[in-house]
């Protein structure tokens, strides 16, 4: 097996909410724990609240945007944790996504969503279109928490009596890892920017 396939893939875990009192911290902590337990990825947690991004897109990228671009460029794959706001996803996540272009290309993106009765799935459907435009590969498998307040304990981050989310997460991570390795190999053989 070649050297680059023996290395652990790097995944960026992206928190999609910047709201005060957000539940995203709890859901993302469960995701992070699941990723670490699986052992197939190195993980970089990217939190919009910690990035000090500007409030608008600027003509020239400042240090915070440049640092974000580098962290995303270093990743082989992405997991986006998102709530659903008014049938879509939060503005902070859109700003983060739109602050970067090439770093998303030819890399897989997985989604973990949460919300009310729809479990954030409408946000995920919107995100699939956005990432397709950025030449990223959205994987089919998703973990969705409908009525999230009943599914996960906000204080402990423990799931409440269901193993379906754990099974779904295991499948998501296995398939994300497959895509991460396959696309990393493809990018090494022929950089995506050379494809026209």
N, C-alpha and C. Protein backbone atom coordinates (compact mmCIF):
# COMPACT_ATOMS: atom_id res chain seq x y z
N UNK A 1 0.86 -1.19 0.00
CA UNK A 1 0.00 0.00 0.00
C UNK A 1 0.89 1.23 0.00
N UNK A 2 0.54 2.23 -0.79
CA UNK A 2 1.38 3.43 -0.86
C UNK A 2 1.29 4.23 0.42
N UNK A 3 2.32 5.05 0.64
CA UNK A 3 2.46 5.78 1.90
C UNK A 3 1.27 6.69 2.19
N UNK A 4 0.77 7.40 1.18
CA UNK A 4 -0.31 8.36 1.44
C UNK A 4 -1.61 7.68 1.83
N UNK A 5 -1.80 6.40 1.51
CA UNK A 5 -3.00 5.69 1.92
C UNK A 5 -2.87 5.13 3.33
N UNK A 6 -1.65 5.08 3.88
CA UNK A 6 -1.47 4.59 5.25
C UNK A 6 -1.68 5.69 6.28
N UNK A 7 -1.53 6.94 5.87
CA UNK A 7 -1.74 8.04 6.80
C UNK A 7 -3.22 8.15 7.16
N UNK A 8 -3.47 8.63 8.38
CA UNK A 8 -4.87 8.89 8.73
C UNK A 8 -5.35 10.11 7.96
N UNK A 9 -6.58 10.05 7.49
CA UNK A 9 -7.17 11.20 6.81
C UNK A 9 -7.48 12.27 7.85
N UNK A 10 -7.50 13.51 7.38
CA UNK A 10 -7.79 14.64 8.26
C UNK A 10 -9.20 15.14 7.97
N UNK A 11 -10.01 15.24 9.01
CA UNK A 11 -11.37 15.73 8.86
C UNK A 11 -11.53 17.03 9.62
N UNK A 12 -12.16 18.00 8.99
CA UNK A 12 -12.53 19.25 9.66
C UNK A 12 -13.98 19.12 10.10
N UNK A 13 -14.21 19.24 11.40
CA UNK A 13 -15.55 19.22 11.96
C UNK A 13 -16.00 20.67 12.11
N UNK A 14 -17.00 21.06 11.33
CA UNK A 14 -17.41 22.45 11.24
C UNK A 14 -18.73 22.66 11.97
N UNK A 15 -18.72 23.53 12.98
CA UNK A 15 -19.94 23.87 13.69
C UNK A 15 -20.70 24.91 12.88
N UNK A 16 -21.98 24.66 12.66
CA UNK A 16 -22.75 25.51 11.76
C UNK A 16 -23.50 26.64 12.41
N UNK A 17 -23.51 26.71 13.71
CA UNK A 17 -24.28 27.74 14.41
C UNK A 17 -23.36 28.68 15.18
N UNK A 18 -23.75 29.95 15.22
CA UNK A 18 -23.02 30.93 16.03
C UNK A 18 -23.94 31.59 17.04
N UNK A 19 -25.08 30.99 17.30
CA UNK A 19 -26.05 31.59 18.21
C UNK A 19 -25.64 31.44 19.67
N UNK A 20 -25.98 32.43 20.45
CA UNK A 20 -25.76 32.34 21.88
C UNK A 20 -26.64 31.23 22.45
N UNK A 21 -26.08 30.42 23.33
CA UNK A 21 -26.83 29.33 23.93
C UNK A 21 -27.11 28.18 22.97
N UNK A 22 -26.32 28.08 21.93
CA UNK A 22 -26.56 27.09 20.88
C UNK A 22 -26.45 25.65 21.38
N UNK A 23 -27.25 24.80 20.79
CA UNK A 23 -27.19 23.37 21.06
C UNK A 23 -26.11 22.70 20.21
N UNK A 24 -25.60 23.43 19.25
CA UNK A 24 -24.58 22.91 18.33
C UNK A 24 -23.37 22.37 19.09
N UNK A 25 -23.00 23.01 20.19
CA UNK A 25 -21.85 22.53 20.98
C UNK A 25 -22.07 21.10 21.45
N UNK A 26 -23.28 20.80 21.91
CA UNK A 26 -23.59 19.48 22.43
C UNK A 26 -23.56 18.44 21.32
N UNK A 27 -24.21 18.74 20.20
CA UNK A 27 -24.25 17.80 19.08
C UNK A 27 -22.84 17.60 18.52
N UNK A 28 -22.10 18.68 18.35
CA UNK A 28 -20.75 18.59 17.79
C UNK A 28 -19.83 17.80 18.73
N UNK A 29 -20.00 17.94 20.04
CA UNK A 29 -19.18 17.17 20.99
C UNK A 29 -19.44 15.68 20.84
N UNK A 30 -20.69 15.30 20.62
CA UNK A 30 -21.01 13.89 20.38
C UNK A 30 -20.37 13.41 19.07
N UNK A 31 -20.43 14.25 18.03
CA UNK A 31 -19.80 13.90 16.76
C UNK A 31 -18.29 13.75 16.94
N UNK A 32 -17.68 14.70 17.63
CA UNK A 32 -16.23 14.64 17.85
C UNK A 32 -15.84 13.36 18.59
N UNK A 33 -16.61 13.03 19.61
CA UNK A 33 -16.34 11.80 20.37
C UNK A 33 -16.44 10.57 19.47
N UNK A 34 -17.43 10.56 18.59
CA UNK A 34 -17.61 9.44 17.67
C UNK A 34 -16.45 9.33 16.70
N UNK A 35 -15.99 10.48 16.19
CA UNK A 35 -14.86 10.48 15.25
C UNK A 35 -13.61 9.97 15.95
N UNK A 36 -13.35 10.45 17.16
CA UNK A 36 -12.15 10.03 17.89
C UNK A 36 -12.20 8.55 18.23
N UNK A 37 -13.38 8.05 18.58
CA UNK A 37 -13.52 6.63 18.92
C UNK A 37 -13.26 5.74 17.72
N UNK A 38 -13.64 6.22 16.53
CA UNK A 38 -13.42 5.44 15.32
C UNK A 38 -11.97 5.30 14.94
N UNK A 39 -11.16 6.32 15.25
CA UNK A 39 -9.72 6.24 15.05
C UNK A 39 -9.22 6.34 13.63
N UNK A 40 -10.11 6.61 12.67
CA UNK A 40 -9.66 6.67 11.27
C UNK A 40 -9.26 8.06 10.83
N UNK A 41 -9.62 9.06 11.61
CA UNK A 41 -9.37 10.45 11.23
C UNK A 41 -8.57 11.19 12.30
N UNK A 42 -7.72 12.10 11.84
CA UNK A 42 -7.29 13.21 12.69
C UNK A 42 -8.40 14.26 12.57
N UNK A 43 -8.64 15.01 13.63
CA UNK A 43 -9.78 15.92 13.62
C UNK A 43 -9.36 17.34 13.96
N UNK A 44 -9.94 18.29 13.24
CA UNK A 44 -9.76 19.71 13.51
C UNK A 44 -11.15 20.32 13.66
N UNK A 45 -11.46 20.80 14.85
CA UNK A 45 -12.78 21.39 15.12
C UNK A 45 -12.75 22.87 14.74
N UNK A 46 -13.63 23.25 13.84
CA UNK A 46 -13.70 24.63 13.35
C UNK A 46 -15.02 25.24 13.81
N UNK A 47 -14.89 26.23 14.68
CA UNK A 47 -16.03 26.88 15.32
C UNK A 47 -16.09 28.33 14.87
N UNK A 48 -17.16 28.75 14.20
CA UNK A 48 -17.23 30.14 13.74
C UNK A 48 -17.11 31.16 14.86
N UNK A 49 -17.49 30.79 16.09
CA UNK A 49 -17.37 31.73 17.20
C UNK A 49 -15.92 31.97 17.61
N UNK A 50 -15.05 31.05 17.26
CA UNK A 50 -13.64 31.17 17.64
C UNK A 50 -12.76 31.73 16.54
N UNK A 51 -13.32 32.01 15.38
CA UNK A 51 -12.52 32.37 14.22
C UNK A 51 -12.25 33.86 14.07
N UNK A 52 -13.06 34.69 14.67
CA UNK A 52 -12.95 36.14 14.52
C UNK A 52 -13.00 36.56 13.04
N UNK A 53 -13.92 35.95 12.31
CA UNK A 53 -14.11 36.31 10.91
C UNK A 53 -14.69 37.71 10.81
N UNK A 54 -14.46 38.40 9.71
CA UNK A 54 -15.06 39.73 9.54
C UNK A 54 -16.57 39.61 9.39
N UNK A 55 -17.27 40.73 9.48
CA UNK A 55 -18.73 40.71 9.37
C UNK A 55 -19.20 40.76 7.92
N UNK A 56 -18.28 41.00 7.00
CA UNK A 56 -18.62 41.01 5.57
C UNK A 56 -17.41 40.53 4.77
N UNK A 57 -17.66 40.11 3.55
CA UNK A 57 -16.57 39.70 2.68
C UNK A 57 -15.80 40.94 2.24
N UNK A 58 -14.48 40.85 2.30
CA UNK A 58 -13.61 41.98 1.98
C UNK A 58 -12.88 41.73 0.67
N UNK A 59 -12.35 42.79 0.06
CA UNK A 59 -11.63 42.66 -1.21
C UNK A 59 -10.38 41.80 -1.06
N UNK A 60 -9.70 41.96 0.07
CA UNK A 60 -8.52 41.14 0.35
C UNK A 60 -8.75 40.40 1.66
N UNK A 61 -8.41 39.11 1.65
CA UNK A 61 -8.64 38.30 2.84
C UNK A 61 -7.70 38.69 3.96
N UNK A 62 -8.27 38.89 5.14
CA UNK A 62 -7.48 39.19 6.33
C UNK A 62 -6.92 37.92 6.96
N UNK A 63 -6.19 38.06 8.06
CA UNK A 63 -5.54 36.92 8.71
C UNK A 63 -6.50 35.82 9.14
N UNK A 64 -7.70 36.18 9.63
CA UNK A 64 -8.64 35.16 10.09
C UNK A 64 -9.14 34.30 8.94
N UNK A 65 -9.45 34.94 7.81
CA UNK A 65 -9.92 34.18 6.64
C UNK A 65 -8.78 33.35 6.07
N UNK A 66 -7.58 33.89 6.04
CA UNK A 66 -6.44 33.13 5.54
C UNK A 66 -6.17 31.90 6.40
N UNK A 67 -6.30 32.06 7.72
CA UNK A 67 -6.11 30.92 8.63
C UNK A 67 -7.18 29.86 8.39
N UNK A 68 -8.43 30.30 8.19
CA UNK A 68 -9.51 29.36 7.89
C UNK A 68 -9.24 28.63 6.58
N UNK A 69 -8.83 29.37 5.57
CA UNK A 69 -8.53 28.75 4.28
C UNK A 69 -7.46 27.68 4.42
N UNK A 70 -6.43 27.94 5.22
CA UNK A 70 -5.36 26.96 5.40
C UNK A 70 -5.86 25.72 6.12
N UNK A 71 -6.66 25.90 7.15
CA UNK A 71 -7.18 24.75 7.90
C UNK A 71 -8.06 23.87 7.01
N UNK A 72 -8.87 24.50 6.18
CA UNK A 72 -9.73 23.72 5.28
C UNK A 72 -8.90 23.06 4.17
N UNK A 73 -7.87 23.75 3.70
CA UNK A 73 -7.00 23.17 2.68
C UNK A 73 -6.27 21.94 3.22
N UNK A 74 -5.95 21.93 4.50
CA UNK A 74 -5.25 20.80 5.12
C UNK A 74 -6.15 19.59 5.31
N UNK A 75 -7.46 19.79 5.27
CA UNK A 75 -8.42 18.71 5.51
C UNK A 75 -8.60 17.85 4.27
N UNK A 76 -8.83 16.56 4.49
CA UNK A 76 -9.18 15.63 3.42
C UNK A 76 -10.68 15.45 3.31
N UNK A 77 -11.41 15.83 4.35
CA UNK A 77 -12.86 15.63 4.39
C UNK A 77 -13.46 16.61 5.39
N UNK A 78 -14.78 16.74 5.33
CA UNK A 78 -15.48 17.67 6.21
C UNK A 78 -16.74 17.01 6.78
N UNK A 79 -17.02 17.36 8.03
CA UNK A 79 -18.32 17.04 8.64
C UNK A 79 -18.91 18.36 9.08
N UNK A 80 -20.10 18.66 8.59
CA UNK A 80 -20.78 19.89 8.95
C UNK A 80 -21.92 19.55 9.90
N UNK A 81 -21.91 20.17 11.07
CA UNK A 81 -22.99 20.01 12.05
C UNK A 81 -23.86 21.25 11.96
N UNK A 82 -25.13 21.06 11.58
CA UNK A 82 -25.98 22.22 11.34
C UNK A 82 -27.38 22.07 11.92
N UNK A 83 -27.89 23.15 12.49
CA UNK A 83 -29.31 23.20 12.81
C UNK A 83 -30.08 23.65 11.56
N UNK A 84 -31.37 23.66 11.68
CA UNK A 84 -32.22 24.19 10.61
C UNK A 84 -32.89 25.47 11.09
N UNK A 85 -32.68 26.54 10.33
CA UNK A 85 -33.33 27.82 10.61
C UNK A 85 -34.24 28.15 9.45
N UNK A 86 -35.52 28.22 9.70
CA UNK A 86 -36.48 28.63 8.66
C UNK A 86 -36.29 27.84 7.36
N UNK A 87 -36.25 26.53 7.48
CA UNK A 87 -36.12 25.61 6.35
C UNK A 87 -34.75 25.67 5.67
N UNK A 88 -33.75 26.24 6.31
CA UNK A 88 -32.43 26.29 5.70
C UNK A 88 -31.37 26.26 6.81
N UNK A 89 -30.18 26.73 6.50
CA UNK A 89 -29.06 26.65 7.44
C UNK A 89 -28.64 28.06 7.85
N UNK A 90 -27.85 28.19 8.92
CA UNK A 90 -27.54 29.51 9.49
C UNK A 90 -26.63 30.37 8.63
N UNK A 91 -26.78 31.68 8.80
CA UNK A 91 -25.98 32.65 8.06
C UNK A 91 -24.49 32.52 8.37
N UNK A 92 -24.14 32.21 9.61
CA UNK A 92 -22.72 32.08 9.98
C UNK A 92 -22.06 30.96 9.19
N UNK A 93 -22.80 29.89 8.95
CA UNK A 93 -22.26 28.78 8.17
C UNK A 93 -22.10 29.19 6.71
N UNK A 94 -23.06 29.90 6.18
CA UNK A 94 -22.96 30.37 4.79
C UNK A 94 -21.75 31.28 4.61
N UNK A 95 -21.52 32.18 5.55
CA UNK A 95 -20.38 33.08 5.46
C UNK A 95 -19.07 32.31 5.50
N UNK A 96 -18.99 31.33 6.40
CA UNK A 96 -17.79 30.51 6.50
C UNK A 96 -17.53 29.77 5.18
N UNK A 97 -18.57 29.15 4.64
CA UNK A 97 -18.43 28.40 3.38
C UNK A 97 -17.97 29.32 2.26
N UNK A 98 -18.61 30.48 2.15
CA UNK A 98 -18.33 31.39 1.03
C UNK A 98 -16.98 32.11 1.17
N UNK A 99 -16.34 31.99 2.32
CA UNK A 99 -15.03 32.62 2.53
C UNK A 99 -13.89 31.83 1.89
N UNK A 100 -14.20 30.64 1.40
CA UNK A 100 -13.19 29.73 0.87
C UNK A 100 -13.70 29.17 -0.45
N UNK A 101 -12.79 28.85 -1.37
CA UNK A 101 -13.24 28.23 -2.62
C UNK A 101 -12.47 26.95 -2.92
N UNK A 102 -11.20 27.07 -3.28
CA UNK A 102 -10.46 25.89 -3.74
C UNK A 102 -10.31 24.81 -2.66
N UNK A 103 -10.28 25.18 -1.42
CA UNK A 103 -10.06 24.20 -0.34
C UNK A 103 -11.17 23.16 -0.26
N UNK A 104 -12.36 23.46 -0.78
CA UNK A 104 -13.46 22.51 -0.75
C UNK A 104 -13.37 21.49 -1.90
N UNK A 105 -12.66 21.82 -2.93
CA UNK A 105 -12.76 21.06 -4.18
C UNK A 105 -12.25 19.63 -4.08
N UNK A 106 -13.03 18.73 -4.68
CA UNK A 106 -12.68 17.31 -4.77
C UNK A 106 -12.45 16.67 -3.41
N UNK A 107 -13.26 17.08 -2.44
CA UNK A 107 -13.21 16.50 -1.10
C UNK A 107 -14.64 16.16 -0.65
N UNK A 108 -14.79 15.13 0.17
CA UNK A 108 -16.13 14.73 0.60
C UNK A 108 -16.63 15.55 1.80
N UNK A 109 -17.94 15.74 1.82
CA UNK A 109 -18.60 16.46 2.91
C UNK A 109 -19.72 15.59 3.45
N UNK A 110 -19.74 15.40 4.76
CA UNK A 110 -20.83 14.68 5.43
C UNK A 110 -21.58 15.66 6.32
N UNK A 111 -22.82 15.31 6.65
CA UNK A 111 -23.67 16.21 7.39
C UNK A 111 -24.28 15.53 8.62
N UNK A 112 -24.28 16.26 9.72
CA UNK A 112 -25.03 15.89 10.92
C UNK A 112 -25.94 17.05 11.21
N UNK A 113 -27.24 16.79 11.23
CA UNK A 113 -28.21 17.88 11.39
C UNK A 113 -29.10 17.63 12.59
N UNK A 114 -29.69 18.71 13.05
CA UNK A 114 -30.60 18.60 14.18
C UNK A 114 -31.65 19.69 14.11
N UNK A 115 -32.77 19.45 14.77
CA UNK A 115 -33.83 20.44 14.77
C UNK A 115 -35.11 19.85 15.34
N UNK A 116 -36.23 20.37 14.84
CA UNK A 116 -37.54 19.91 15.28
C UNK A 116 -37.95 18.66 14.53
N UNK A 117 -39.16 18.66 14.02
CA UNK A 117 -39.70 17.45 13.41
C UNK A 117 -38.92 17.00 12.18
N UNK A 118 -38.33 17.94 11.43
CA UNK A 118 -37.57 17.58 10.23
C UNK A 118 -36.12 17.22 10.54
N UNK A 119 -35.68 17.43 11.75
CA UNK A 119 -34.33 17.04 12.13
C UNK A 119 -33.21 17.76 11.40
N UNK A 120 -33.51 18.92 10.84
CA UNK A 120 -32.49 19.68 10.13
C UNK A 120 -32.25 19.23 8.70
N UNK A 121 -33.03 18.28 8.20
CA UNK A 121 -32.77 17.73 6.87
C UNK A 121 -32.99 18.74 5.75
N UNK A 122 -33.85 19.74 5.98
CA UNK A 122 -34.04 20.76 4.94
C UNK A 122 -32.79 21.63 4.82
N UNK A 123 -32.12 21.87 5.93
CA UNK A 123 -30.84 22.58 5.89
C UNK A 123 -29.81 21.78 5.09
N UNK A 124 -29.78 20.47 5.32
CA UNK A 124 -28.83 19.61 4.61
C UNK A 124 -29.10 19.63 3.11
N UNK A 125 -30.36 19.58 2.72
CA UNK A 125 -30.68 19.59 1.29
C UNK A 125 -30.20 20.87 0.63
N UNK A 126 -30.31 22.00 1.31
CA UNK A 126 -29.77 23.26 0.77
C UNK A 126 -28.25 23.21 0.69
N UNK A 127 -27.63 22.66 1.72
CA UNK A 127 -26.16 22.59 1.74
C UNK A 127 -25.62 21.69 0.64
N UNK A 128 -26.33 20.65 0.29
CA UNK A 128 -25.87 19.78 -0.79
C UNK A 128 -25.69 20.56 -2.09
N UNK A 129 -26.62 21.46 -2.38
CA UNK A 129 -26.51 22.28 -3.60
C UNK A 129 -25.31 23.23 -3.52
N UNK A 130 -25.11 23.81 -2.36
CA UNK A 130 -24.00 24.75 -2.18
C UNK A 130 -22.67 24.04 -2.38
N UNK A 131 -22.50 22.89 -1.75
CA UNK A 131 -21.23 22.19 -1.86
C UNK A 131 -21.02 21.60 -3.26
N UNK A 132 -22.08 21.22 -3.93
CA UNK A 132 -21.93 20.77 -5.33
C UNK A 132 -21.38 21.91 -6.19
N UNK A 133 -21.83 23.12 -5.95
CA UNK A 133 -21.32 24.27 -6.70
C UNK A 133 -19.85 24.51 -6.41
N UNK A 134 -19.39 24.13 -5.24
CA UNK A 134 -17.99 24.29 -4.85
C UNK A 134 -17.13 23.09 -5.25
N UNK A 135 -17.69 22.17 -6.03
CA UNK A 135 -16.97 20.99 -6.51
C UNK A 135 -16.60 20.03 -5.38
N UNK A 136 -17.35 20.08 -4.28
CA UNK A 136 -17.18 19.10 -3.22
C UNK A 136 -18.15 17.94 -3.46
N UNK A 137 -17.90 16.83 -2.79
CA UNK A 137 -18.71 15.64 -2.97
C UNK A 137 -19.52 15.41 -1.69
N UNK A 138 -20.81 15.68 -1.74
CA UNK A 138 -21.67 15.43 -0.59
C UNK A 138 -22.01 13.95 -0.51
N UNK A 139 -21.68 13.31 0.61
CA UNK A 139 -22.00 11.88 0.71
C UNK A 139 -23.46 11.72 1.11
N UNK A 140 -24.03 10.61 0.68
CA UNK A 140 -25.46 10.39 0.86
C UNK A 140 -25.83 10.24 2.33
N UNK A 141 -25.02 9.52 3.09
CA UNK A 141 -25.37 9.18 4.47
C UNK A 141 -25.36 10.43 5.34
N UNK A 142 -26.34 10.52 6.22
CA UNK A 142 -26.47 11.67 7.11
C UNK A 142 -26.95 11.18 8.47
N UNK A 143 -26.56 11.89 9.52
CA UNK A 143 -27.11 11.65 10.85
C UNK A 143 -28.02 12.83 11.16
N UNK A 144 -29.26 12.53 11.50
CA UNK A 144 -30.25 13.58 11.72
C UNK A 144 -30.95 13.36 13.06
N UNK A 145 -31.00 14.42 13.85
CA UNK A 145 -31.68 14.36 15.15
C UNK A 145 -32.99 15.13 15.07
N UNK A 146 -34.10 14.42 14.85
CA UNK A 146 -35.42 15.04 14.90
C UNK A 146 -35.78 15.26 16.36
N UNK A 147 -36.45 16.38 16.63
CA UNK A 147 -36.81 16.72 18.02
C UNK A 147 -35.60 16.49 18.93
N UNK A 148 -34.53 17.18 18.59
CA UNK A 148 -33.23 16.94 19.19
C UNK A 148 -33.24 17.00 20.71
N UNK A 149 -34.11 17.78 21.27
CA UNK A 149 -34.17 17.93 22.72
C UNK A 149 -34.59 16.63 23.39
N UNK A 150 -35.27 15.75 22.64
CA UNK A 150 -35.66 14.44 23.16
C UNK A 150 -34.61 13.38 22.86
N UNK A 151 -33.67 13.67 21.98
CA UNK A 151 -32.72 12.66 21.51
C UNK A 151 -31.38 12.71 22.22
N UNK A 152 -31.01 13.88 22.72
CA UNK A 152 -29.67 14.03 23.29
C UNK A 152 -29.76 14.92 24.53
N UNK A 153 -29.05 14.53 25.58
CA UNK A 153 -29.07 15.31 26.81
C UNK A 153 -28.17 16.53 26.64
N UNK A 154 -28.75 17.72 26.81
CA UNK A 154 -28.03 18.96 26.55
C UNK A 154 -26.83 19.14 27.48
N UNK A 155 -26.92 18.65 28.69
CA UNK A 155 -25.82 18.84 29.64
C UNK A 155 -24.70 17.82 29.46
N UNK A 156 -25.09 16.55 29.36
CA UNK A 156 -24.07 15.49 29.29
C UNK A 156 -23.64 15.17 27.86
N UNK A 157 -24.50 15.50 26.88
CA UNK A 157 -24.21 15.15 25.50
C UNK A 157 -24.46 13.69 25.19
N UNK A 158 -25.04 12.95 26.13
CA UNK A 158 -25.32 11.53 25.93
C UNK A 158 -26.62 11.36 25.14
N UNK A 159 -26.62 10.33 24.28
CA UNK A 159 -27.84 10.01 23.56
C UNK A 159 -28.84 9.40 24.53
N UNK A 160 -30.12 9.63 24.25
CA UNK A 160 -31.18 9.13 25.12
C UNK A 160 -31.79 7.86 24.53
N UNK A 161 -31.24 6.72 24.91
CA UNK A 161 -31.88 5.43 24.66
C UNK A 161 -32.01 4.97 23.22
N UNK A 162 -31.26 5.51 22.30
CA UNK A 162 -31.37 5.07 20.91
C UNK A 162 -29.98 4.77 20.36
N UNK A 163 -29.88 3.65 19.67
CA UNK A 163 -28.62 3.30 19.03
C UNK A 163 -28.65 3.59 17.53
N UNK A 164 -29.81 4.04 17.01
CA UNK A 164 -29.90 4.27 15.56
C UNK A 164 -28.94 5.38 15.13
N UNK A 165 -28.80 6.43 15.95
CA UNK A 165 -27.86 7.51 15.60
C UNK A 165 -26.43 6.99 15.61
N UNK A 166 -26.10 6.13 16.55
CA UNK A 166 -24.74 5.57 16.61
C UNK A 166 -24.46 4.70 15.39
N UNK A 167 -25.44 3.89 14.98
CA UNK A 167 -25.28 3.07 13.77
C UNK A 167 -25.12 3.96 12.54
N UNK A 168 -25.96 4.98 12.46
CA UNK A 168 -25.88 5.90 11.32
C UNK A 168 -24.54 6.61 11.28
N UNK A 169 -24.03 7.00 12.45
CA UNK A 169 -22.75 7.69 12.52
C UNK A 169 -21.61 6.76 12.11
N UNK A 170 -21.68 5.51 12.50
CA UNK A 170 -20.66 4.55 12.12
C UNK A 170 -20.61 4.38 10.60
N UNK A 171 -21.78 4.28 9.98
CA UNK A 171 -21.84 4.17 8.52
C UNK A 171 -21.32 5.44 7.86
N UNK A 172 -21.75 6.59 8.37
CA UNK A 172 -21.30 7.87 7.81
C UNK A 172 -19.78 7.97 7.85
N UNK A 173 -19.17 7.63 8.98
CA UNK A 173 -17.72 7.76 9.12
C UNK A 173 -16.98 6.77 8.22
N UNK A 174 -17.49 5.56 8.10
CA UNK A 174 -16.84 4.57 7.24
C UNK A 174 -16.85 5.03 5.79
N UNK A 175 -17.99 5.53 5.35
CA UNK A 175 -18.09 5.97 3.96
C UNK A 175 -17.35 7.28 3.73
N UNK A 176 -17.36 8.17 4.70
CA UNK A 176 -16.59 9.40 4.57
C UNK A 176 -15.11 9.08 4.45
N UNK A 177 -14.64 8.11 5.24
CA UNK A 177 -13.23 7.72 5.19
C UNK A 177 -12.89 7.14 3.83
N UNK A 178 -13.77 6.31 3.28
CA UNK A 178 -13.52 5.75 1.94
C UNK A 178 -13.37 6.86 0.91
N UNK A 179 -14.31 7.80 0.92
CA UNK A 179 -14.25 8.93 -0.02
C UNK A 179 -13.02 9.79 0.22
N UNK A 180 -12.68 10.02 1.47
CA UNK A 180 -11.51 10.85 1.78
C UNK A 180 -10.24 10.24 1.21
N UNK A 181 -10.06 8.93 1.40
CA UNK A 181 -8.87 8.27 0.87
C UNK A 181 -8.88 8.23 -0.65
N UNK A 182 -10.03 7.90 -1.23
CA UNK A 182 -10.11 7.80 -2.69
C UNK A 182 -9.84 9.15 -3.35
N UNK A 183 -10.42 10.21 -2.82
CA UNK A 183 -10.24 11.53 -3.42
C UNK A 183 -8.86 12.11 -3.12
N UNK A 184 -8.30 11.79 -1.97
CA UNK A 184 -6.93 12.24 -1.69
C UNK A 184 -5.97 11.62 -2.69
N UNK A 185 -6.13 10.32 -2.95
CA UNK A 185 -5.29 9.65 -3.94
C UNK A 185 -5.48 10.29 -5.32
N UNK A 186 -6.73 10.54 -5.70
CA UNK A 186 -7.01 11.15 -7.00
C UNK A 186 -6.38 12.54 -7.11
N UNK A 187 -6.43 13.33 -6.04
CA UNK A 187 -5.82 14.67 -6.08
C UNK A 187 -4.31 14.61 -6.19
N UNK A 188 -3.70 13.58 -5.58
CA UNK A 188 -2.25 13.41 -5.68
C UNK A 188 -1.84 13.00 -7.10
N UNK A 189 -2.63 12.13 -7.69
CA UNK A 189 -2.32 11.68 -9.05
C UNK A 189 -2.50 12.81 -10.05
N UNK A 190 -3.59 13.57 -9.88
CA UNK A 190 -3.87 14.69 -10.78
C UNK A 190 -4.61 15.76 -10.01
N UNK A 191 -3.96 16.86 -9.68
CA UNK A 191 -4.64 17.94 -8.94
C UNK A 191 -5.92 18.37 -9.64
N UNK A 192 -6.95 18.57 -8.84
CA UNK A 192 -8.27 18.89 -9.41
C UNK A 192 -8.25 20.16 -10.24
N UNK A 193 -7.41 21.12 -9.87
CA UNK A 193 -7.35 22.39 -10.60
C UNK A 193 -6.85 22.20 -12.02
N UNK A 194 -6.22 21.05 -12.31
CA UNK A 194 -5.76 20.77 -13.67
C UNK A 194 -6.84 20.16 -14.55
N UNK A 195 -7.97 19.80 -13.94
CA UNK A 195 -9.04 19.16 -14.69
C UNK A 195 -9.91 20.23 -15.34
N UNK A 196 -10.02 20.17 -16.66
CA UNK A 196 -10.84 21.16 -17.36
C UNK A 196 -11.51 20.52 -18.55
